[in-house]
Amino acid sequence: MSDMDDDVYLSDDEEGSETRKDAEESEKSHVSPLTKETISEGLSLLCRTGKRLEHAFVKLDLKDKALTDIAAISTYIHIRFLDLSNNLVADLSPLATLNHLLWLKVDRNAVASFIGQPFAELTFLQWLSVAVNRLTDTDGLVGPSLETLILTGNSLQKLNGLQSSHFANLVVLELRGNHLETTDGINLPNLRRLYLAENFIKRLEGLENLERLTILHLRDNHLETLDGLSPNMKNLQYLNVRGNAVADEKALENLVHVSKTLKVLVLSGNPLVEILDYRPSVLILSPQLERIDKEPVTLEERMEARRAIRVTIYCYSHLPCSFIDETSLFLSVAVCFFSGT
C-alpha cells in the first residue's frame, strides 16, 4: 500500500456536484414512460434460469431514458444486473419481484427515502449504488446480502439502521459528499472500507465497532482531532485525514491506538503540516507506517524514530519506581520531537 495515491480507494462516481446539477436539469427534459420496447432494447447477457433448458436475458440497461415510472419492469423476474442511472425515478417498488437481482445502480434519480422501497425483498442483492439522489437518512434500508453500498452525493445528515443484523455481509460503505457531522451510527463489525470524504464531520464516534476496518477515508472534513480512533480497530491500514483542521500535535495522540497495523497516513492539507516537522513524531506514534502523505518512509527516518524510542525507554528504565505503559511512552517521545527538545 505504500505507493498508493491518497485517493486511490474512492469509488467510481467522481462527478460530485456537477452530477447533481445535471440531474436537476434533466427534470426539465422530456419524460418518457417505460415500455416493453425500451426494455427489449436494453436487455443483454443470455443465461440459463435453472429450469431445465430455459434461458433468459439477465442484464438490463435503462440509463438516460428520462423515466419516472418503472412499473413495466416487474414481469422481468430473471434480471440480475440493472442500471437505472440518470432518470427521474423516485419509486423502486416495481423491483420487488426481481428477487434474483444481484447488482443495482440507481445513481442520479429522485429517490428521497428508503422507506417503502423493496430492498427487504431483494435478498440476493450484493451491490447497490444510490448516488446523487435526495436521501437525508438511511431509515428503512436493509441488505442481508449486500457487500457494497454507495450513497455518494446525497444529503444524508444522520445514519440510522446501519447495524450488523441488517447488513451482515457489508464490507464497503461509500458515504462521500453528504452532510454528516459525525461518524456515529455505523455498527458494522465486518466492514472493511469506509469512505466519508467531503462531509462536515467534526467528531469521530462509534469507531470502536469497526473491528475489521482496513481503510478509513476522511478527507475534506472539519476534524480538529483524531480522538475517537479506538484500540478495537485492530486491522486499520490506511487513514486519510487530508484537508481537515488538525492544528495541534496533541490531536494526533490517538494514532497510538492503531499503531500496530497502520501502513499509510495522509495528513497533508492540515494546519499542523504548515507549522511543524510532523513526520518524525508521527512515525514514533505509528512505527509500522510505510508512507506518510505521498512520500514513503525512508530508512533514515525509521532509524531515527527507533533511536528516539530506545533513548526514552532507557531514561524511563533508570527512574526509581517508574511505571509507564506503551502508549504513554510513545506519546512522551513524540512530544519531545514536536517541541524540539
C-alpha atoms as a PDB file:
ATOM      1  CA  MET A   1       0.000   0.000   0.000  1.00  0.00           C
ATOM      2  CA  SER A   2       2.983   2.301   0.397  1.00  0.00           C
ATOM      3  CA  ASP A   3       2.934   3.506  -3.211  1.00  0.00           C
ATOM      4  CA  MET A   4      -0.787   4.199  -3.427  1.00  0.00           C
ATOM      5  CA  ASP A   5      -2.203   7.664  -4.035  1.00  0.00           C
ATOM      6  CA  ASP A   6      -4.284   9.093  -1.219  1.00  0.00           C
ATOM      7  CA  ASP A   7      -7.489   8.960  -3.267  1.00  0.00           C
ATOM      8  CA  VAL A   8      -6.964   5.519  -4.791  1.00  0.00           C
ATOM      9  CA  TYR A   9      -9.777   3.956  -2.809  1.00  0.00           C
ATOM     10  CA  LEU A  10     -12.548   6.310  -3.905  1.00  0.00           C
ATOM     11  CA  SER A  11     -15.468   4.764  -5.755  1.00  0.00           C
ATOM     12  CA  ASP A  12     -16.115   5.196  -9.462  1.00  0.00           C
ATOM     13  CA  ASP A  13     -18.658   8.038  -9.148  1.00  0.00           C
ATOM     14  CA  GLU A  14     -16.388  11.111  -9.251  1.00  0.00           C
ATOM     15  CA  GLU A  15     -18.768  13.677 -10.711  1.00  0.00           C
ATOM     16  CA  GLY A  16     -19.794  15.273  -7.398  1.00  0.00           C
ATOM     17  CA  SER A  17     -21.840  18.454  -7.509  1.00  0.00           C
ATOM     18  CA  GLU A  18     -21.871  18.533 -11.300  1.00  0.00           C
ATOM     19  CA  THR A  19     -23.911  15.350 -11.404  1.00  0.00           C
ATOM     20  CA  ARG A  20     -26.432  16.861  -9.011  1.00  0.00           C
ATOM     21  CA  LYS A  21     -26.758  19.852 -11.319  1.00  0.00           C
ATOM     22  CA  ASP A  22     -27.164  17.592 -14.326  1.00  0.00           C
ATOM     23  CA  ALA A  23     -29.881  15.617 -12.507  1.00  0.00           C
ATOM     24  CA  GLU A  24     -31.797  18.790 -11.719  1.00  0.00           C
ATOM     25  CA  GLU A  25     -31.567  19.973 -15.313  1.00  0.00           C
ATOM     26  CA  SER A  26     -32.760  16.594 -16.577  1.00  0.00           C
ATOM     27  CA  GLU A  27     -36.050  17.067 -14.730  1.00  0.00           C
ATOM     28  CA  LYS A  28     -36.887  19.764 -17.206  1.00  0.00           C
ATOM     29  CA  SER A  29     -36.368  17.438 -20.160  1.00  0.00           C
ATOM     30  CA  HIS A  30     -38.974  15.284 -21.851  1.00  0.00           C
ATOM     31  CA  VAL A  31     -40.280  12.453 -19.662  1.00  0.00           C
ATOM     32  CA  SER A  32     -40.992   9.114 -21.317  1.00  0.00           C
ATOM     33  CA  PRO A  33     -42.760   6.022 -19.920  1.00  0.00           C
ATOM     34  CA  LEU A  34     -41.015   2.680 -19.658  1.00  0.00           C
ATOM     35  CA  THR A  35     -42.277   0.399 -22.402  1.00  0.00           C
ATOM     36  CA  LYS A  36     -41.577  -3.207 -23.375  1.00  0.00           C
ATOM     37  CA  GLU A  37     -39.800  -1.895 -26.450  1.00  0.00           C
ATOM     38  CA  THR A  38     -37.431   0.165 -24.318  1.00  0.00           C
ATOM     39  CA  ILE A  39     -36.792  -2.823 -22.081  1.00  0.00           C
ATOM     40  CA  SER A  40     -36.122  -5.094 -25.052  1.00  0.00           C
ATOM     41  CA  GLU A  41     -33.538  -2.662 -26.401  1.00  0.00           C
ATOM     42  CA  GLY A  42     -31.670  -2.712 -23.086  1.00  0.00           C
ATOM     43  CA  LEU A  43     -31.572  -6.470 -22.497  1.00  0.00           C
ATOM     44  CA  SER A  44     -28.367  -8.487 -22.804  1.00  0.00           C
ATOM     45  CA  LEU A  45     -26.413 -11.409 -21.318  1.00  0.00           C
ATOM     46  CA  LEU A  46     -28.396 -14.557 -22.031  1.00  0.00           C
ATOM     47  CA  CYS A  47     -28.129 -17.109 -19.202  1.00  0.00           C
ATOM     48  CA  ARG A  48     -29.814 -20.291 -18.017  1.00  0.00           C
ATOM     49  CA  THR A  49     -32.596 -19.724 -15.490  1.00  0.00           C
ATOM     50  CA  GLY A  50     -32.243 -23.008 -13.626  1.00  0.00           C
ATOM     51  CA  LYS A  51     -35.378 -24.529 -15.130  1.00  0.00           C
ATOM     52  CA  ARG A  52     -34.121 -27.286 -17.388  1.00  0.00           C
ATOM     53  CA  LEU A  53     -33.055 -25.707 -20.683  1.00  0.00           C
ATOM     54  CA  GLU A  54     -34.811 -22.377 -20.147  1.00  0.00           C
ATOM     55  CA  HIS A  55     -32.768 -19.241 -20.827  1.00  0.00           C
ATOM     56  CA  ALA A  56     -33.418 -15.537 -20.201  1.00  0.00           C
ATOM     57  CA  PHE A  57     -31.635 -12.199 -20.509  1.00  0.00           C
ATOM     58  CA  VAL A  58     -30.331 -11.196 -17.067  1.00  0.00           C
ATOM     59  CA  LYS A  59     -28.790  -7.764 -17.711  1.00  0.00           C
ATOM     60  CA  LEU A  60     -30.849  -4.624 -18.348  1.00  0.00           C
ATOM     61  CA  ASP A  61     -29.528  -1.148 -19.158  1.00  0.00           C
ATOM     62  CA  LEU A  62     -32.116   1.633 -18.731  1.00  0.00           C
ATOM     63  CA  LYS A  63     -29.878   4.626 -18.046  1.00  0.00           C
ATOM     64  CA  ASP A  64     -30.589   8.041 -19.596  1.00  0.00           C
ATOM     65  CA  LYS A  65     -34.236   7.308 -20.508  1.00  0.00           C
ATOM     66  CA  ALA A  66     -35.928  10.161 -18.573  1.00  0.00           C
ATOM     67  CA  LEU A  67     -38.023   7.538 -16.746  1.00  0.00           C
ATOM     68  CA  THR A  68     -40.296   8.333 -13.822  1.00  0.00           C
ATOM     69  CA  ASP A  69     -42.297   5.086 -13.695  1.00  0.00           C
ATOM     70  CA  ILE A  70     -40.670   1.657 -13.984  1.00  0.00           C
ATOM     71  CA  ALA A  71     -43.782  -0.475 -13.373  1.00  0.00           C
ATOM     72  CA  ALA A  72     -43.278  -2.354 -16.649  1.00  0.00           C
ATOM     73  CA  ILE A  73     -40.120  -3.949 -15.310  1.00  0.00           C
ATOM     74  CA  SER A  74     -41.907  -6.050 -12.695  1.00  0.00           C
ATOM     75  CA  THR A  75     -42.518  -9.007 -15.035  1.00  0.00           C
ATOM     76  CA  TYR A  76     -38.841  -9.404 -15.922  1.00  0.00           C
ATOM     77  CA  ILE A  77     -38.144 -11.563 -12.908  1.00  0.00           C
ATOM     78  CA  HIS A  78     -34.852 -13.022 -14.158  1.00  0.00           C
ATOM     79  CA  ILE A  79     -32.958  -9.717 -14.222  1.00  0.00           C
ATOM     80  CA  ARG A  80     -29.741  -9.879 -12.171  1.00  0.00           C
ATOM     81  CA  PHE A  81     -27.952  -6.693 -13.257  1.00  0.00           C
ATOM     82  CA  LEU A  82     -29.904  -3.435 -13.602  1.00  0.00           C
ATOM     83  CA  ASP A  83     -28.717   0.098 -14.386  1.00  0.00           C
ATOM     84  CA  LEU A  84     -31.319   2.848 -13.889  1.00  0.00           C
ATOM     85  CA  SER A  85     -28.867   5.762 -13.737  1.00  0.00           C
ATOM     86  CA  ASN A  86     -29.748   9.259 -14.965  1.00  0.00           C
ATOM     87  CA  ASN A  87     -33.523   9.028 -14.767  1.00  0.00           C
ATOM     88  CA  LEU A  88     -36.221  10.634 -12.593  1.00  0.00           C
ATOM     89  CA  VAL A  89     -37.272   7.559 -10.618  1.00  0.00           C
ATOM     90  CA  ALA A  90     -38.450   8.003  -7.031  1.00  0.00           C
ATOM     91  CA  ASP A  91     -40.375   4.742  -6.527  1.00  0.00           C
ATOM     92  CA  LEU A  92     -38.432   1.495  -6.780  1.00  0.00           C
ATOM     93  CA  SER A  93     -41.254  -0.759  -5.582  1.00  0.00           C
ATOM     94  CA  PRO A  94     -41.696  -2.461  -9.001  1.00  0.00           C
ATOM     95  CA  LEU A  95     -38.329  -4.110  -8.365  1.00  0.00           C
ATOM     96  CA  ALA A  96     -39.806  -6.229  -5.558  1.00  0.00           C
ATOM     97  CA  THR A  97     -40.466  -9.114  -7.953  1.00  0.00           C
ATOM     98  CA  LEU A  98     -36.879  -9.163  -9.209  1.00  0.00           C
ATOM     99  CA  ASN A  99     -35.724 -11.473  -6.464  1.00  0.00           C
ATOM    100  CA  HIS A 100     -32.708 -12.676  -8.481  1.00  0.00           C
ATOM    101  CA  LEU A 101     -31.232  -9.164  -8.596  1.00  0.00           C
ATOM    102  CA  LEU A 102     -27.519  -9.076  -7.708  1.00  0.00           C
ATOM    103  CA  TRP A 103     -26.413  -5.615  -8.897  1.00  0.00           C
ATOM    104  CA  LEU A 104     -28.417  -2.374  -8.913  1.00  0.00           C
ATOM    105  CA  LYS A 105     -27.379   1.145  -9.884  1.00  0.00           C
ATOM    106  CA  VAL A 106     -29.852   3.981  -9.331  1.00  0.00           C
ATOM    107  CA  ASP A 107     -27.468   6.961  -9.475  1.00  0.00           C
ATOM    108  CA  ARG A 108     -28.811  10.438 -10.274  1.00  0.00           C
ATOM    109  CA  ASN A 109     -32.506   9.820  -9.774  1.00  0.00           C
ATOM    110  CA  ALA A 110     -35.130  11.218  -7.380  1.00  0.00           C
ATOM    111  CA  VAL A 111     -35.096   8.677  -4.542  1.00  0.00           C
ATOM    112  CA  ALA A 112     -35.812  10.612  -1.326  1.00  0.00           C
ATOM    113  CA  SER A 113     -36.313   7.763   1.155  1.00  0.00           C
ATOM    114  CA  PHE A 114     -35.653   4.069   1.613  1.00  0.00           C
ATOM    115  CA  ILE A 115     -38.928   3.637   3.488  1.00  0.00           C
ATOM    116  CA  GLY A 116     -41.421   1.793   1.292  1.00  0.00           C
ATOM    117  CA  GLN A 117     -38.730   0.646  -1.119  1.00  0.00           C
ATOM    118  CA  PRO A 118     -38.375  -3.089  -1.908  1.00  0.00           C
ATOM    119  CA  PHE A 119     -34.906  -3.839  -0.515  1.00  0.00           C
ATOM    120  CA  ALA A 120     -36.174  -6.348   2.069  1.00  0.00           C
ATOM    121  CA  GLU A 121     -37.396  -8.492  -0.852  1.00  0.00           C
ATOM    122  CA  LEU A 122     -34.085  -8.268  -2.745  1.00  0.00           C
ATOM    123  CA  THR A 123     -32.421 -10.896  -0.592  1.00  0.00           C
ATOM    124  CA  PHE A 124     -29.637 -11.702  -3.090  1.00  0.00           C
ATOM    125  CA  LEU A 125     -28.633  -8.104  -3.874  1.00  0.00           C
ATOM    126  CA  GLN A 126     -24.871  -7.753  -3.388  1.00  0.00           C
ATOM    127  CA  TRP A 127     -24.019  -4.350  -4.913  1.00  0.00           C
ATOM    128  CA  LEU A 128     -26.150  -1.199  -4.599  1.00  0.00           C
ATOM    129  CA  SER A 129     -25.462   2.387  -5.642  1.00  0.00           C
ATOM    130  CA  VAL A 130     -27.966   5.171  -4.973  1.00  0.00           C
ATOM    131  CA  ALA A 131     -25.535   8.053  -5.505  1.00  0.00           C
ATOM    132  CA  VAL A 132     -26.699  11.645  -6.105  1.00  0.00           C
ATOM    133  CA  ASN A 133     -30.342  11.277  -5.135  1.00  0.00           C
ATOM    134  CA  ARG A 134     -32.366  13.094  -2.444  1.00  0.00           C
ATOM    135  CA  LEU A 135     -31.732  10.946   0.613  1.00  0.00           C
ATOM    136  CA  THR A 136     -31.456  12.579   4.038  1.00  0.00           C
ATOM    137  CA  ASP A 137     -31.225   9.419   6.155  1.00  0.00           C
ATOM    138  CA  THR A 138     -30.874   5.647   5.852  1.00  0.00           C
ATOM    139  CA  ASP A 139     -34.078   4.648   7.633  1.00  0.00           C
ATOM    140  CA  GLY A 140     -35.741   1.635   6.009  1.00  0.00           C
ATOM    141  CA  LEU A 141     -32.700   0.306   4.182  1.00  0.00           C
ATOM    142  CA  VAL A 142     -31.770  -3.350   4.679  1.00  0.00           C
ATOM    143  CA  GLY A 143     -29.406  -5.577   2.748  1.00  0.00           C
ATOM    144  CA  PRO A 144     -28.828  -9.076   4.080  1.00  0.00           C
ATOM    145  CA  SER A 145     -26.528  -9.980   1.166  1.00  0.00           C
ATOM    146  CA  LEU A 146     -25.141  -6.522   0.365  1.00  0.00           C
ATOM    147  CA  GLU A 147     -21.352  -6.362   0.127  1.00  0.00           C
ATOM    148  CA  THR A 148     -21.020  -2.846  -1.347  1.00  0.00           C
ATOM    149  CA  LEU A 149     -23.273   0.153  -0.622  1.00  0.00           C
ATOM    150  CA  ILE A 150     -22.675   3.520  -2.330  1.00  0.00           C
ATOM    151  CA  LEU A 151     -24.637   6.589  -1.180  1.00  0.00           C
ATOM    152  CA  THR A 152     -22.324   9.301  -2.509  1.00  0.00           C
ATOM    153  CA  GLY A 153     -23.628  12.813  -3.134  1.00  0.00           C
ATOM    154  CA  ASN A 154     -26.903  12.745  -1.228  1.00  0.00           C
ATOM    155  CA  SER A 155     -27.915  14.949   1.719  1.00  0.00           C
ATOM    156  CA  LEU A 156     -27.514  12.402   4.494  1.00  0.00           C
ATOM    157  CA  GLN A 157     -27.461  14.114   7.882  1.00  0.00           C
ATOM    158  CA  LYS A 158     -27.634  11.033  10.097  1.00  0.00           C
ATOM    159  CA  LEU A 159     -27.060   7.312   9.846  1.00  0.00           C
ATOM    160  CA  ASN A 160     -29.755   5.054  11.257  1.00  0.00           C
ATOM    161  CA  GLY A 161     -30.153   1.324  10.990  1.00  0.00           C
ATOM    162  CA  LEU A 162     -26.647   0.542   9.782  1.00  0.00           C
ATOM    163  CA  GLN A 163     -26.479  -2.485  12.057  1.00  0.00           C
ATOM    164  CA  SER A 164     -24.870  -5.865  11.517  1.00  0.00           C
ATOM    165  CA  SER A 165     -28.283  -7.512  11.861  1.00  0.00           C
ATOM    166  CA  HIS A 166     -29.382  -5.751   8.642  1.00  0.00           C
ATOM    167  CA  PHE A 167     -26.033  -5.736   6.789  1.00  0.00           C
ATOM    168  CA  ALA A 168     -24.173  -8.836   7.929  1.00  0.00           C
ATOM    169  CA  ASN A 169     -22.072  -9.053   4.750  1.00  0.00           C
ATOM    170  CA  LEU A 170     -21.356  -5.384   4.055  1.00  0.00           C
ATOM    171  CA  VAL A 171     -17.639  -4.736   3.509  1.00  0.00           C
ATOM    172  CA  VAL A 172     -17.591  -1.449   1.505  1.00  0.00           C
ATOM    173  CA  LEU A 173     -19.572   1.655   2.518  1.00  0.00           C
ATOM    174  CA  GLU A 174     -19.273   4.865   0.457  1.00  0.00           C
ATOM    175  CA  LEU A 175     -20.795   7.982   2.047  1.00  0.00           C
ATOM    176  CA  ARG A 176     -18.755  10.709   0.384  1.00  0.00           C
ATOM    177  CA  GLY A 177     -20.273  14.109  -0.290  1.00  0.00           C
ATOM    178  CA  ASN A 178     -23.114  14.130   2.239  1.00  0.00           C
ATOM    179  CA  HIS A 179     -23.949  16.345   5.248  1.00  0.00           C
ATOM    180  CA  LEU A 180     -22.735  14.132   8.081  1.00  0.00           C
ATOM    181  CA  GLU A 181     -21.239  15.768  11.183  1.00  0.00           C
ATOM    182  CA  THR A 182     -20.238  12.575  12.993  1.00  0.00           C
ATOM    183  CA  THR A 183     -19.240   9.002  12.244  1.00  0.00           C
ATOM    184  CA  ASP A 184     -21.720   7.694  14.806  1.00  0.00           C
ATOM    185  CA  GLY A 185     -24.377   5.215  13.700  1.00  0.00           C
ATOM    186  CA  ILE A 186     -22.202   2.685  11.848  1.00  0.00           C
ATOM    187  CA  ASN A 187     -22.323  -0.565  13.800  1.00  0.00           C
ATOM    188  CA  LEU A 188     -20.856  -2.931  11.216  1.00  0.00           C
ATOM    189  CA  PRO A 189     -18.116  -5.174  12.659  1.00  0.00           C
ATOM    190  CA  ASN A 190     -17.478  -6.829   9.269  1.00  0.00           C
ATOM    191  CA  LEU A 191     -16.967  -3.548   7.370  1.00  0.00           C
ATOM    192  CA  ARG A 192     -13.571  -3.311   5.641  1.00  0.00           C
ATOM    193  CA  ARG A 193     -13.655   0.019   3.751  1.00  0.00           C
ATOM    194  CA  LEU A 194     -15.368   3.230   4.849  1.00  0.00           C
ATOM    195  CA  TYR A 195     -15.322   6.389   2.704  1.00  0.00           C
ATOM    196  CA  LEU A 196     -16.523   9.593   4.388  1.00  0.00           C
ATOM    197  CA  ALA A 197     -14.732  12.327   2.427  1.00  0.00           C
ATOM    198  CA  GLU A 198     -16.387  15.692   1.728  1.00  0.00           C
ATOM    199  CA  ASN A 199     -18.795  15.753   4.655  1.00  0.00           C
ATOM    200  CA  PHE A 200     -18.929  18.091   7.669  1.00  0.00           C
ATOM    201  CA  ILE A 201     -17.574  15.623  10.204  1.00  0.00           C
ATOM    202  CA  LYS A 202     -16.307  17.192  13.420  1.00  0.00           C
ATOM    203  CA  ARG A 203     -16.299  14.121  15.672  1.00  0.00           C
ATOM    204  CA  LEU A 204     -15.091  10.545  15.333  1.00  0.00           C
ATOM    205  CA  GLU A 205     -17.625   8.436  17.213  1.00  0.00           C
ATOM    206  CA  GLY A 206     -18.608   4.776  17.223  1.00  0.00           C
ATOM    207  CA  LEU A 207     -15.422   3.602  15.513  1.00  0.00           C
ATOM    208  CA  GLU A 208     -14.852   1.028  18.230  1.00  0.00           C
ATOM    209  CA  ASN A 209     -17.500  -1.060  16.460  1.00  0.00           C
ATOM    210  CA  LEU A 210     -15.429  -1.331  13.268  1.00  0.00           C
ATOM    211  CA  GLU A 211     -13.066  -4.091  14.300  1.00  0.00           C
ATOM    212  CA  ARG A 212     -12.221  -5.307  10.781  1.00  0.00           C
ATOM    213  CA  LEU A 213     -11.917  -1.938   9.071  1.00  0.00           C
ATOM    214  CA  THR A 214      -8.782  -1.633   6.921  1.00  0.00           C
ATOM    215  CA  ILE A 215      -9.466   1.689   5.132  1.00  0.00           C
ATOM    216  CA  LEU A 216     -10.877   4.885   6.671  1.00  0.00           C
ATOM    217  CA  HIS A 217     -11.135   7.846   4.296  1.00  0.00           C
ATOM    218  CA  LEU A 218     -11.995  11.196   5.942  1.00  0.00           C
ATOM    219  CA  ARG A 219     -10.580  13.729   3.501  1.00  0.00           C
ATOM    220  CA  ASP A 220     -12.048  17.266   3.445  1.00  0.00           C
ATOM    221  CA  ASN A 221     -13.998  17.277   6.689  1.00  0.00           C
ATOM    222  CA  HIS A 222     -13.830  19.500   9.793  1.00  0.00           C
ATOM    223  CA  LEU A 223     -11.816  17.345  12.186  1.00  0.00           C
ATOM    224  CA  GLU A 224      -9.595  19.143  14.688  1.00  0.00           C
ATOM    225  CA  THR A 225      -8.516  15.974  16.472  1.00  0.00           C
ATOM    226  CA  LEU A 226      -8.263  12.235  15.916  1.00  0.00           C
ATOM    227  CA  ASP A 227      -9.962  11.472  19.221  1.00  0.00           C
ATOM    228  CA  GLY A 228     -12.207   8.508  18.569  1.00  0.00           C
ATOM    229  CA  LEU A 229      -9.678   6.179  16.987  1.00  0.00           C
ATOM    230  CA  SER A 230     -10.036   3.010  19.019  1.00  0.00           C
ATOM    231  CA  PRO A 231      -7.766   0.127  20.063  1.00  0.00           C
ATOM    232  CA  ASN A 232     -10.593  -2.109  18.782  1.00  0.00           C
ATOM    233  CA  MET A 233      -9.637  -1.087  15.233  1.00  0.00           C
ATOM    234  CA  LYS A 234      -7.085  -3.879  15.037  1.00  0.00           C
ATOM    235  CA  ASN A 235      -6.917  -4.074  11.237  1.00  0.00           C
ATOM    236  CA  LEU A 236      -6.738  -0.425  10.142  1.00  0.00           C
ATOM    237  CA  GLN A 237      -4.042   0.020   7.474  1.00  0.00           C
ATOM    238  CA  TYR A 238      -4.988   3.225   5.635  1.00  0.00           C
ATOM    239  CA  LEU A 239      -6.117   6.511   7.213  1.00  0.00           C
ATOM    240  CA  ASN A 240      -6.740   9.660   5.169  1.00  0.00           C
ATOM    241  CA  VAL A 241      -7.495  12.894   7.044  1.00  0.00           C
ATOM    242  CA  ARG A 242      -6.226  15.243   4.355  1.00  0.00           C
ATOM    243  CA  GLY A 243      -7.809  18.687   4.243  1.00  0.00           C
ATOM    244  CA  ASN A 244      -9.148  18.809   7.797  1.00  0.00           C
ATOM    245  CA  ALA A 245      -8.438  21.269  10.645  1.00  0.00           C
ATOM    246  CA  VAL A 246      -5.817  19.394  12.663  1.00  0.00           C
ATOM    247  CA  ALA A 247      -3.538  22.111  14.051  1.00  0.00           C
ATOM    248  CA  ASP A 248      -2.147  20.756  17.339  1.00  0.00           C
ATOM    249  CA  GLU A 249       0.310  17.893  17.819  1.00  0.00           C
ATOM    250  CA  LYS A 250      -1.827  16.554  20.657  1.00  0.00           C
ATOM    251  CA  ALA A 251      -4.584  15.953  18.125  1.00  0.00           C
ATOM    252  CA  LEU A 252      -2.523  13.055  16.770  1.00  0.00           C
ATOM    253  CA  GLU A 253      -2.047  11.210  20.053  1.00  0.00           C
ATOM    254  CA  ASN A 254      -4.756   8.670  19.291  1.00  0.00           C
ATOM    255  CA  LEU A 255      -2.707   7.317  16.398  1.00  0.00           C
ATOM    256  CA  VAL A 256      -1.119   5.136  19.066  1.00  0.00           C
ATOM    257  CA  HIS A 257      -4.337   3.103  19.197  1.00  0.00           C
ATOM    258  CA  VAL A 258      -3.875   1.920  15.593  1.00  0.00           C
ATOM    259  CA  SER A 259      -0.078   1.964  15.531  1.00  0.00           C
ATOM    260  CA  LYS A 260       0.433  -1.785  15.191  1.00  0.00           C
ATOM    261  CA  THR A 261      -1.340  -2.069  11.822  1.00  0.00           C
ATOM    262  CA  LEU A 262      -1.384   1.398  10.199  1.00  0.00           C
ATOM    263  CA  LYS A 263       0.643   1.447   6.956  1.00  0.00           C
ATOM    264  CA  VAL A 264      -0.444   4.675   5.244  1.00  0.00           C
ATOM    265  CA  LEU A 265      -1.325   8.033   6.831  1.00  0.00           C
ATOM    266  CA  VAL A 266      -2.362  11.099   4.808  1.00  0.00           C
ATOM    267  CA  LEU A 267      -2.175  14.376   6.767  1.00  0.00           C
ATOM    268  CA  SER A 268      -1.456  16.977   4.067  1.00  0.00           C
ATOM    269  CA  GLY A 269      -3.738  19.976   3.902  1.00  0.00           C
ATOM    270  CA  ASN A 270      -3.998  20.346   7.689  1.00  0.00           C
ATOM    271  CA  PRO A 271      -2.661  23.428   9.550  1.00  0.00           C
ATOM    272  CA  LEU A 272      -0.340  21.129  11.502  1.00  0.00           C
ATOM    273  CA  VAL A 273       1.638  20.377   8.352  1.00  0.00           C
ATOM    274  CA  GLU A 274       2.470  24.047   7.814  1.00  0.00           C
ATOM    275  CA  ILE A 275       3.892  24.721  11.270  1.00  0.00           C
ATOM    276  CA  LEU A 276       5.615  21.508  12.395  1.00  0.00           C
ATOM    277  CA  ASP A 277       8.002  18.871  11.152  1.00  0.00           C
ATOM    278  CA  TYR A 278       5.435  16.223  11.905  1.00  0.00           C
ATOM    279  CA  ARG A 279       6.876  13.184  10.141  1.00  0.00           C
ATOM    280  CA  PRO A 280       9.318  12.072  12.904  1.00  0.00           C
ATOM    281  CA  SER A 281       6.701  12.312  15.638  1.00  0.00           C
ATOM    282  CA  VAL A 282       4.038  10.597  13.551  1.00  0.00           C
ATOM    283  CA  LEU A 283       6.454   7.768  12.844  1.00  0.00           C
ATOM    284  CA  ILE A 284       7.127   7.375  16.565  1.00  0.00           C
ATOM    285  CA  LEU A 285       3.412   7.156  17.270  1.00  0.00           C
ATOM    286  CA  SER A 286       2.911   4.648  14.422  1.00  0.00           C
ATOM    287  CA  PRO A 287       6.200   2.795  13.836  1.00  0.00           C
ATOM    288  CA  GLN A 288       4.729   0.455  11.192  1.00  0.00           C
ATOM    289  CA  LEU A 289       3.951   3.279   8.755  1.00  0.00           C
ATOM    290  CA  GLU A 290       5.232   2.754   5.220  1.00  0.00           C
ATOM    291  CA  ARG A 291       4.001   6.057   3.782  1.00  0.00           C
ATOM    292  CA  ILE A 292       3.177   9.468   5.229  1.00  0.00           C
ATOM    293  CA  ASP A 293       1.268  11.605   2.742  1.00  0.00           C
ATOM    294  CA  LYS A 294       2.685  10.833  -0.707  1.00  0.00           C
ATOM    295  CA  GLU A 295       6.217  10.150   0.462  1.00  0.00           C
ATOM    296  CA  PRO A 296       7.419   6.693   1.517  1.00  0.00           C
ATOM    297  CA  VAL A 297       9.053   6.450   4.929  1.00  0.00           C
ATOM    298  CA  THR A 298      12.813   6.370   4.407  1.00  0.00           C
ATOM    299  CA  LEU A 299      15.226   4.071   6.172  1.00  0.00           C
ATOM    300  CA  GLU A 300      16.844   7.105   7.808  1.00  0.00           C
ATOM    301  CA  GLU A 301      13.511   8.285   9.213  1.00  0.00           C
ATOM    302  CA  ARG A 302      12.722   4.857  10.577  1.00  0.00           C
ATOM    303  CA  MET A 303      16.142   4.521  12.226  1.00  0.00           C
ATOM    304  CA  GLU A 304      15.832   7.969  13.838  1.00  0.00           C
ATOM    305  CA  ALA A 305      12.410   7.098  15.253  1.00  0.00           C
ATOM    306  CA  ARG A 306      13.723   3.828  16.674  1.00  0.00           C
ATOM    307  CA  ARG A 307      16.691   5.625  18.189  1.00  0.00           C
ATOM    308  CA  ALA A 308      14.415   8.134  19.903  1.00  0.00           C
ATOM    309  CA  ILE A 309      12.248   5.352  21.293  1.00  0.00           C
ATOM    310  CA  ARG A 310      15.304   3.470  22.608  1.00  0.00           C
ATOM    311  CA  VAL A 311      16.674   6.573  24.313  1.00  0.00           C
ATOM    312  CA  THR A 312      13.354   7.261  26.016  1.00  0.00           C
ATOM    313  CA  ILE A 313      12.994   3.636  27.141  1.00  0.00           C
ATOM    314  CA  TYR A 314      16.485   3.827  28.642  1.00  0.00           C
ATOM    315  CA  CYS A 315      15.674   7.033  30.506  1.00  0.00           C
ATOM    316  CA  TYR A 316      12.451   5.672  31.961  1.00  0.00           C
ATOM    317  CA  SER A 317      14.088   2.397  32.945  1.00  0.00           C
ATOM    318  CA  HIS A 318      16.532   4.281  35.161  1.00  0.00           C
ATOM    319  CA  LEU A 319      13.894   6.221  37.066  1.00  0.00           C
ATOM    320  CA  PRO A 320      13.169   4.789  40.542  1.00  0.00           C
ATOM    321  CA  CYS A 321       9.729   3.143  40.830  1.00  0.00           C
ATOM    322  CA  SER A 322       8.903   4.251  37.328  1.00  0.00           C
ATOM    323  CA  PHE A 323       5.901   2.635  35.703  1.00  0.00           C
ATOM    324  CA  ILE A 324       4.709   3.686  32.265  1.00  0.00           C
ATOM    325  CA  ASP A 325       2.586   1.936  29.681  1.00  0.00           C
ATOM    326  CA  GLU A 326       3.437   1.635  25.991  1.00  0.00           C
ATOM    327  CA  THR A 327       1.016   4.359  24.913  1.00  0.00           C
ATOM    328  CA  SER A 328       2.397   6.888  27.372  1.00  0.00           C
ATOM    329  CA  LEU A 329       5.921   6.028  26.296  1.00  0.00           C
ATOM    330  CA  PHE A 330       5.246   6.715  22.609  1.00  0.00           C
ATOM    331  CA  LEU A 331       3.472   9.946  23.486  1.00  0.00           C
ATOM    332  CA  SER A 332       6.409  11.103  25.596  1.00  0.00           C
ATOM    333  CA  VAL A 333       8.838  10.561  22.727  1.00  0.00           C
ATOM    334  CA  ALA A 334       6.527  12.249  20.220  1.00  0.00           C
ATOM    335  CA  VAL A 335       6.033  15.303  22.429  1.00  0.00           C
ATOM    336  CA  CYS A 336       9.813  15.719  22.590  1.00  0.00           C
ATOM    337  CA  PHE A 337      10.027  15.779  18.806  1.00  0.00           C
ATOM    338  CA  PHE A 338       7.116  18.158  18.383  1.00  0.00           C
ATOM    339  CA  SER A 339       8.589  20.559  20.957  1.00  0.00           C
ATOM    340  CA  GLY A 340      12.084  20.265  19.517  1.00  0.00           C
ATOM    341  CA  THR A 341      13.623  19.016  22.750  1.00  0.00           C
END
